[in-house]
């Protein structure tokens, strides 16, 4: 290759110089991309977790709004105990969502119940 053509050819250093690129810019861009990916993953996980919790909440509410269904694998005594606990939990649930009664009686009955439970 003659000298004139060689002088006109650009090497990598020339391109980097023209584009004003250096290794720190590339490293910074990679770090920013990694951070963006981490943030995106965290947001996706948060949305997924909220959906899981929302679905779980719906299942629990649906269960509490229906009648008790006994577990046939339990002994008769355990079935009775489970039914009693279920009905108590159901009553507690309805107490929490009964806005009219809460407005009339205030929160004192609920606080008394919670104190009683914690002292068991």
Protein backbone atom coordinates (compact mmCIF):
# COMPACT_ATOMS: atom_id res chain seq x y z
CA UNK A 1 0.00 0.00 0.00
CA UNK A 2 1.39 3.37 -0.87
CA UNK A 3 2.06 6.06 1.71
CA UNK A 4 -0.82 8.32 0.57
CA UNK A 5 -3.41 5.55 1.05
CA UNK A 6 -1.89 4.59 4.40
CA UNK A 7 -2.18 8.16 5.63
CA UNK A 8 -5.87 8.23 4.69
CA UNK A 9 -6.72 5.01 6.58
CA UNK A 10 -8.07 5.39 10.08
CA UNK A 11 -7.18 3.13 12.92
CA UNK A 12 -9.21 2.41 16.06
CA UNK A 13 -7.53 5.21 18.00
CA UNK A 14 -8.58 7.71 15.36
CA UNK A 15 -12.20 6.53 15.49
CA UNK A 16 -12.27 6.71 19.30
CA UNK A 17 -10.75 10.14 19.18
CA UNK A 18 -13.30 11.35 16.65
CA UNK A 19 -16.20 9.89 18.58
CA UNK A 20 -14.64 11.04 21.86
CA UNK A 21 -15.04 7.57 23.35
CA UNK A 22 -12.82 6.26 26.08
CA UNK A 23 -12.97 3.18 28.24
CA UNK A 24 -14.41 5.05 31.23
CA UNK A 25 -17.40 6.15 29.12
CA UNK A 26 -17.98 2.54 28.08
CA UNK A 27 -17.69 1.30 31.66
CA UNK A 28 -20.08 4.02 32.83
CA UNK A 29 -22.58 3.05 30.13
CA UNK A 30 -22.33 -0.62 31.15
CA UNK A 31 -22.88 0.29 34.80
CA UNK A 32 -25.90 2.42 33.91
CA UNK A 33 -27.34 -0.44 31.87
CA UNK A 34 -26.80 -2.86 34.76
CA UNK A 35 -28.50 -0.46 37.17
CA UNK A 36 -31.41 0.03 34.77
CA UNK A 37 -31.79 -3.75 34.46
CA UNK A 38 -31.71 -4.19 38.24
CA UNK A 39 -34.35 -1.50 38.73
CA UNK A 40 -36.54 -3.03 36.02
CA UNK A 41 -36.22 -6.48 37.63
CA UNK A 42 -37.09 -5.09 41.06
CA UNK A 43 -40.18 -3.35 39.67
CA UNK A 44 -41.30 -6.54 37.91
CA UNK A 45 -40.77 -8.55 41.13
CA UNK A 46 -42.71 -5.99 43.15
CA UNK A 47 -45.63 -6.12 40.71
CA UNK A 48 -45.58 -9.92 40.75
CA UNK A 49 -45.52 -9.99 44.57
CA UNK A 50 -48.42 -7.54 44.78
CA UNK A 51 -50.43 -9.69 42.39
CA UNK A 52 -49.67 -12.81 44.43
CA UNK A 53 -50.72 -11.04 47.65
CA UNK A 54 -53.84 -9.68 45.98
CA UNK A 55 -54.84 -13.14 44.77
CA UNK A 56 -54.10 -14.66 48.18
CA UNK A 57 -56.19 -11.98 49.87
CA UNK A 58 -59.09 -12.73 47.50
CA UNK A 59 -58.86 -16.44 48.32
CA UNK A 60 -58.87 -15.77 52.06
CA UNK A 61 -61.83 -13.40 51.83
CA UNK A 62 -63.71 -15.87 49.65
CA UNK A 63 -63.03 -18.63 52.18
CA UNK A 64 -64.23 -16.47 55.09
CA UNK A 65 -67.39 -15.46 53.27
CA UNK A 66 -68.40 -19.09 52.75
CA UNK A 67 -69.36 -21.83 55.17
CA UNK A 68 -66.78 -23.97 56.90
CA UNK A 69 -65.74 -27.07 54.97
CA UNK A 70 -64.36 -29.77 57.20
CA UNK A 71 -61.14 -31.58 56.47
CA UNK A 72 -62.10 -35.26 56.42
CA UNK A 73 -58.50 -36.25 57.14
CA UNK A 74 -58.78 -34.81 60.66
CA UNK A 75 -60.21 -36.58 63.67
CA UNK A 76 -63.73 -35.61 64.77
CA UNK A 77 -62.30 -33.61 67.68
CA UNK A 78 -59.85 -31.76 65.40
CA UNK A 79 -62.66 -31.04 62.93
CA UNK A 80 -64.74 -29.53 65.73
CA UNK A 81 -61.79 -27.43 66.93
CA UNK A 82 -61.03 -26.31 63.41
CA UNK A 83 -64.66 -25.34 62.84
CA UNK A 84 -64.68 -23.35 66.08
CA UNK A 85 -61.49 -21.52 65.07
CA UNK A 86 -62.84 -20.90 61.59
CA UNK A 87 -66.04 -19.38 62.96
CA UNK A 88 -64.10 -17.17 65.37
CA UNK A 89 -61.87 -15.98 62.55
CA UNK A 90 -64.92 -15.38 60.37
CA UNK A 91 -66.54 -13.32 63.16
CA UNK A 92 -63.36 -11.33 63.57
CA UNK A 93 -63.23 -10.69 59.82
CA UNK A 94 -66.83 -9.46 59.74
CA UNK A 95 -66.16 -7.31 62.81
CA UNK A 96 -63.35 -5.60 60.96
CA UNK A 97 -65.44 -4.81 57.89
CA UNK A 98 -68.63 -3.81 59.74
CA UNK A 99 -68.16 -0.07 59.37
CA UNK A 100 -71.57 0.84 60.84
CA UNK A 101 -70.96 -1.01 64.11
CA UNK A 102 -67.40 0.31 64.33
CA UNK A 103 -68.77 3.84 63.88
CA UNK A 104 -71.36 3.29 66.62
CA UNK A 105 -69.18 1.47 69.17
CA UNK A 106 -65.78 2.82 68.25
CA UNK A 107 -62.64 0.73 68.25
CA UNK A 108 -62.68 -0.10 71.98
CA UNK A 109 -64.29 -3.56 71.58
CA UNK A 110 -61.65 -4.50 69.01
CA UNK A 111 -58.82 -3.22 71.21
CA UNK A 112 -60.24 -5.16 74.17
CA UNK A 113 -60.38 -8.31 72.05
CA UNK A 114 -56.79 -7.84 70.86
CA UNK A 115 -55.62 -7.33 74.45
CA UNK A 116 -57.44 -10.48 75.49
CA UNK A 117 -55.84 -12.46 72.66
CA UNK A 118 -52.34 -11.22 73.46
CA UNK A 119 -52.75 -12.15 77.13
CA UNK A 120 -53.65 -15.78 76.42
